[in-house]
Amino acid sequence: MSLPSYVIIVDYVSEGEIANLIRGYVELKGTKVRFSGVAYGRFGGQNFSPQFTKVAKARIQSLTGDFIKFEEDMQLRLVRGEFEARPPKDEHHHHHHLGEGGEPG
């Protein structure tokens, strides 16, 4: 049994030195299912553990017929960088660049 086509969207990444908290969703058969998880190493790097709520797991199971196979496939795609990064439209860029902020030059 093969999995249906789906897209992984990452819409939040924390800025950690060792690990990053990542949140997003999968688009699967016209349905968005949210996930969160922790990426160890660099972003899109060596290890990623996606986490789903019980409701999300049940939804994926009903859409794919095999949650475990889906979860393994998704983990491999995340590690290989096969996802889209889409920060929410209302998210602002929050960090300071050298030379900005009115300091004397």
Protein backbone atom coordinates (compact mmCIF):
# COMPACT_ATOMS: atom_id res chain seq x y z
CA MET A 1 0.00 0.00 0.00
CA SER A 2 1.43 3.37 -0.97
CA LEU A 3 0.80 6.66 0.81
CA PRO A 4 -1.28 9.40 -0.80
CA SER A 5 0.55 12.51 -2.00
CA TYR A 6 1.05 15.18 0.67
CA VAL A 7 2.96 18.40 1.29
CA ILE A 8 4.78 19.40 4.48
CA ILE A 9 4.60 23.08 5.47
CA VAL A 10 6.81 24.45 8.27
CA ASP A 11 5.45 27.76 9.57
CA TYR A 12 7.47 28.26 12.77
CA VAL A 13 11.05 27.51 13.80
CA SER A 14 12.58 28.56 17.11
CA GLU A 15 16.19 29.68 17.13
CA GLY A 16 18.02 27.23 19.38
CA GLU A 17 21.73 26.46 19.39
CA ILE A 18 21.40 22.68 19.63
CA ALA A 19 17.75 21.96 18.86
CA ASN A 20 14.87 23.86 17.27
CA LEU A 21 11.17 23.64 18.04
CA ILE A 22 9.34 23.34 14.73
CA ARG A 23 5.64 23.68 14.02
CA GLY A 24 3.67 23.29 10.85
CA TYR A 25 1.13 21.18 9.07
CA VAL A 26 0.72 18.60 6.35
CA GLU A 27 -1.69 19.11 3.47
CA LEU A 28 -3.17 15.69 2.79
CA LYS A 29 -6.21 15.01 0.59
CA GLY A 30 -7.38 18.62 0.96
CA THR A 31 -7.00 18.53 4.75
CA LYS A 32 -4.49 20.41 6.92
CA VAL A 33 -3.18 18.46 9.91
CA ARG A 34 -0.96 20.33 12.40
CA PHE A 35 2.23 18.92 13.91
CA SER A 36 5.07 20.09 16.12
CA GLY A 37 8.42 18.59 16.90
CA VAL A 38 12.06 19.02 17.69
CA ALA A 39 14.85 19.13 15.14
CA TYR A 40 18.30 18.18 16.42
CA GLY A 41 21.33 19.42 14.57
CA ARG A 42 20.89 22.06 11.92
CA PHE A 43 17.48 22.99 10.47
CA GLY A 44 16.38 20.25 8.09
CA GLY A 45 19.27 18.33 9.60
CA GLN A 46 20.08 14.94 10.95
CA ASN A 47 17.13 14.16 13.22
CA PHE A 48 13.54 15.29 13.45
CA SER A 49 10.79 13.90 15.63
CA PRO A 50 7.30 14.98 14.49
CA GLN A 51 4.58 14.96 17.16
CA PHE A 52 0.83 14.78 16.52
CA THR A 53 -2.11 15.08 18.89
CA LYS A 54 -4.38 12.04 19.29
CA VAL A 55 -6.98 13.74 17.07
CA ALA A 56 -4.35 14.50 14.38
CA LYS A 57 -3.08 10.89 14.51
CA ALA A 58 -6.62 9.58 14.04
CA ARG A 59 -7.20 11.96 11.12
CA ILE A 60 -3.96 10.87 9.41
CA GLN A 61 -4.81 7.21 10.03
CA SER A 62 -8.20 7.70 8.35
CA LEU A 63 -6.66 9.58 5.40
CA THR A 64 -3.69 7.27 4.80
CA GLY A 65 -4.70 3.93 6.28
CA ASP A 66 -1.28 3.64 7.98
CA PHE A 67 -0.19 6.28 10.50
CA ILE A 68 3.14 4.56 11.29
CA LYS A 69 4.16 4.40 7.62
CA PHE A 70 3.10 8.05 7.15
CA GLU A 71 5.07 9.19 10.22
CA GLU A 72 8.22 7.39 9.02
CA ASP A 73 7.87 8.85 5.51
CA MET A 74 7.30 12.35 6.90
CA GLN A 75 10.35 12.07 9.18
CA LEU A 76 12.54 11.08 6.23
CA ARG A 77 11.21 13.98 4.14
CA LEU A 78 11.90 16.47 6.94
CA VAL A 79 15.46 15.18 7.40
CA ARG A 80 16.06 15.45 3.63
CA GLY A 81 14.65 19.00 3.58
CA GLU A 82 11.60 18.09 1.48
CA PHE A 83 9.23 20.70 2.92
CA GLU A 84 8.13 24.26 2.34
CA ALA A 85 8.92 27.04 4.82
CA ARG A 86 5.98 29.44 5.08
CA PRO A 87 6.05 31.82 8.04
CA PRO A 88 2.59 33.22 8.84
CA LYS A 89 1.79 36.47 7.01
CA ASP A 90 1.46 38.40 10.28
CA GLU A 91 4.83 37.24 11.63
CA HIS A 92 7.34 40.07 11.83
CA HIS A 93 11.09 39.91 11.46
CA HIS A 94 12.45 40.32 15.02
CA HIS A 95 16.15 40.74 15.33
CA HIS A 96 18.65 43.56 15.34
CA HIS A 97 21.10 44.27 12.53
CA LEU A 98 24.40 46.00 13.27
CA GLY A 99 24.24 49.67 12.41
CA GLU A 100 20.49 49.94 13.03
CA GLY A 101 18.69 51.45 15.97
CA GLY A 102 20.20 54.93 16.02
CA GLU A 103 23.61 54.12 17.48
CA PRO A 104 26.38 56.50 16.53
CA GLY A 105 28.03 55.24 13.37
